[in-house]
C-alpha atoms as a PDB file:
ATOM      1  CA  MET A   1     106.905  88.081  84.576  1.00  0.00           C
ATOM      2  CA  LYS A   2     109.818  85.649  84.506  1.00  0.00           C
ATOM      3  CA  GLU A   3     109.115  84.221  81.037  1.00  0.00           C
ATOM      4  CA  ARG A   4     109.142  87.658  79.431  1.00  0.00           C
ATOM      5  CA  LEU A   5     112.619  88.569  80.701  1.00  0.00           C
ATOM      6  CA  GLU A   6     114.369  87.350  77.542  1.00  0.00           C
ATOM      7  CA  TYR A   7     112.447  89.903  75.410  1.00  0.00           C
ATOM      8  CA  MET A   8     113.021  92.880  77.707  1.00  0.00           C
ATOM      9  CA  SER A   9     115.611  95.615  77.533  1.00  0.00           C
ATOM     10  CA  LYS A  10     118.183  95.932  80.286  1.00  0.00           C
ATOM     11  CA  THR A  11     116.175  98.681  82.016  1.00  0.00           C
ATOM     12  CA  GLU A  12     112.965  96.659  81.864  1.00  0.00           C
ATOM     13  CA  ARG A  13     114.764  93.625  83.323  1.00  0.00           C
ATOM     14  CA  LYS A  14     116.009  95.703  86.248  1.00  0.00           C
ATOM     15  CA  ILE A  15     112.493  96.954  86.948  1.00  0.00           C
ATOM     16  CA  ALA A  16     111.043  93.435  86.738  1.00  0.00           C
ATOM     17  CA  ASP A  17     113.755  92.055  89.020  1.00  0.00           C
ATOM     18  CA  LYS A  18     113.035  94.706  91.651  1.00  0.00           C
ATOM     19  CA  LEU A  19     109.278  94.143  91.422  1.00  0.00           C
ATOM     20  CA  ASN A  20     109.700  90.367  91.703  1.00  0.00           C
ATOM     21  CA  THR A  21     111.212  90.901  95.164  1.00  0.00           C
ATOM     22  CA  LEU A  22     107.905  92.392  96.379  1.00  0.00           C
ATOM     23  CA  THR A  23     105.558  89.801  97.850  1.00  0.00           C
ATOM     24  CA  ASN A  24     103.476  91.668 100.427  1.00  0.00           C
ATOM     25  CA  ILE A  25     100.224  92.918  98.911  1.00  0.00           C
ATOM     26  CA  ALA A  26      99.502  95.248 101.834  1.00  0.00           C
ATOM     27  CA  THR A  27     102.716  97.252 101.377  1.00  0.00           C
ATOM     28  CA  PHE A  28     103.154  96.755  97.625  1.00  0.00           C
ATOM     29  CA  TRP A  29     102.392 100.302  96.437  1.00  0.00           C
ATOM     30  CA  ASN A  30     104.409 101.927  99.232  1.00  0.00           C
ATOM     31  CA  ASP A  31     107.379  99.765  98.262  1.00  0.00           C
ATOM     32  CA  VAL A  32     106.968 100.746  94.606  1.00  0.00           C
ATOM     33  CA  ARG A  33     106.965 104.415  95.646  1.00  0.00           C
ATOM     34  CA  LYS A  34     110.281 103.847  97.430  1.00  0.00           C
ATOM     35  CA  PHE A  35     111.778 102.262  94.302  1.00  0.00           C
ATOM     36  CA  THR A  36     110.598 105.139  92.092  1.00  0.00           C
ATOM     37  CA  LYS A  37     111.540 108.014  94.399  1.00  0.00           C
ATOM     38  CA  SER A  38     114.343 109.205  92.098  1.00  0.00           C
ATOM     39  CA  VAL A  39     112.684 108.390  88.750  1.00  0.00           C
ATOM     40  CA  HIS A  40     112.099 111.530  86.673  1.00  0.00           C
ATOM     41  CA  SER A  41     111.817 110.386  83.061  1.00  0.00           C
ATOM     42  CA  ASP A  42     108.290 110.078  81.672  1.00  0.00           C
ATOM     43  CA  ARG A  43     109.268 106.889  79.848  1.00  0.00           C
ATOM     44  CA  ALA A  44     110.701 105.340  83.018  1.00  0.00           C
ATOM     45  CA  ILE A  45     107.612 106.285  85.034  1.00  0.00           C
ATOM     46  CA  GLU A  46     105.441 104.702  82.348  1.00  0.00           C
ATOM     47  CA  LEU A  47     107.472 101.465  82.508  1.00  0.00           C
ATOM     48  CA  TRP A  48     107.318 101.348  86.298  1.00  0.00           C
ATOM     49  CA  GLN A  49     103.558 101.895  86.260  1.00  0.00           C
ATOM     50  CA  ALA A  50     102.898  99.204  83.658  1.00  0.00           C
ATOM     51  CA  TYR A  51     105.139  96.584  85.256  1.00  0.00           C
ATOM     52  CA  SER A  52     103.897  97.413  88.761  1.00  0.00           C
ATOM     53  CA  GLU A  53     100.291  96.826  87.725  1.00  0.00           C
ATOM     54  CA  ILE A  54     101.235  93.511  86.107  1.00  0.00           C
ATOM     55  CA  ARG A  55     103.115  92.391  89.229  1.00  0.00           C
ATOM     56  CA  PHE A  56     100.287  93.486  91.538  1.00  0.00           C
ATOM     57  CA  ASN A  57      97.761  91.474  89.498  1.00  0.00           C
ATOM     58  CA  GLU A  58     100.088  88.463  89.713  1.00  0.00           C
ATOM     59  CA  LEU A  59     100.262  88.812  93.485  1.00  0.00           C
ATOM     60  CA  ILE A  60      96.530  89.094  94.090  1.00  0.00           C
ATOM     61  CA  THR A  61      95.606  86.195  91.802  1.00  0.00           C
ATOM     62  CA  GLY A  62      98.617  83.941  92.301  1.00  0.00           C
ATOM     63  CA  CYS A  63      98.919  83.479  88.514  1.00  0.00           C
ATOM     64  CA  GLU A  64     101.439  84.877  86.078  1.00  0.00           C
ATOM     65  CA  ASP A  65     100.379  86.686  82.900  1.00  0.00           C
ATOM     66  CA  VAL A  66      97.080  87.966  84.231  1.00  0.00           C
ATOM     67  CA  ARG A  67      95.065  90.539  82.308  1.00  0.00           C
ATOM     68  CA  ILE A  68      92.477  92.768  83.920  1.00  0.00           C
ATOM     69  CA  GLU A  69      89.093  93.753  82.513  1.00  0.00           C
ATOM     70  CA  ILE A  70      87.038  96.481  84.164  1.00  0.00           C
ATOM     71  CA  ASP A  71      83.282  96.681  83.488  1.00  0.00           C
ATOM     72  CA  THR A  72      80.615  99.011  84.803  1.00  0.00           C
ATOM     73  CA  VAL A  73      77.217  97.379  85.287  1.00  0.00           C
ATOM     74  CA  ASN A  74      74.337  99.239  86.933  1.00  0.00           C
ATOM     75  CA  GLU A  75      76.748 101.874  88.275  1.00  0.00           C
ATOM     76  CA  LYS A  76      78.906  99.171  89.909  1.00  0.00           C
ATOM     77  CA  THR A  77      82.482  98.568  88.895  1.00  0.00           C
ATOM     78  CA  ILE A  78      83.311  94.923  88.261  1.00  0.00           C
ATOM     79  CA  ILE A  79      86.941  93.888  87.988  1.00  0.00           C
ATOM     80  CA  ARG A  80      87.684  90.551  86.344  1.00  0.00           C
ATOM     81  CA  TYR A  81      91.047  88.862  85.919  1.00  0.00           C
ATOM     82  CA  TYR A  82      91.791  86.571  82.973  1.00  0.00           C
ATOM     83  CA  THR A  83      94.711  84.525  81.757  1.00  0.00           C
ATOM     84  CA  TYR A  84      96.811  85.992  78.974  1.00  0.00           C
ATOM     85  CA  ASP A  85      94.574  84.647  76.196  1.00  0.00           C
ATOM     86  CA  PHE A  86      91.312  85.703  77.959  1.00  0.00           C
ATOM     87  CA  GLU A  87      90.089  82.094  77.941  1.00  0.00           C
ATOM     88  CA  THR A  88      90.095  81.382  81.668  1.00  0.00           C
ATOM     89  CA  GLU A  89      88.890  83.686  84.395  1.00  0.00           C
ATOM     90  CA  VAL A  90      91.069  83.696  87.516  1.00  0.00           C
ATOM     91  CA  PHE A  91      90.001  84.979  90.906  1.00  0.00           C
ATOM     92  CA  PRO A  92      91.840  86.987  93.562  1.00  0.00           C
ATOM     93  CA  LYS A  93      93.108  84.824  96.372  1.00  0.00           C
ATOM     94  CA  GLU A  94      92.020  85.379  99.954  1.00  0.00           C
ATOM     95  CA  VAL A  95      94.347  87.678 101.864  1.00  0.00           C
END
């Protein structure tokens, strides 16, 4: 998320900076809930959700700019992670 900071608004930068402090996958969503306890605006909630999902994907794969693709095959959900340009598949790291 660090490369994108120059294109972000001040509010988006603050959100990204807070999320970049989170490194523990096990407590990630609880920590995000603590950050967003006083957020009431729909737009702000939307930003927090989007950036939180991006940061979480970065943490579980160890790569920045990861995109997620969810498929359903034979009633099973398959989650795949790709680099930004969808050329290379990346895999979640062992926790």
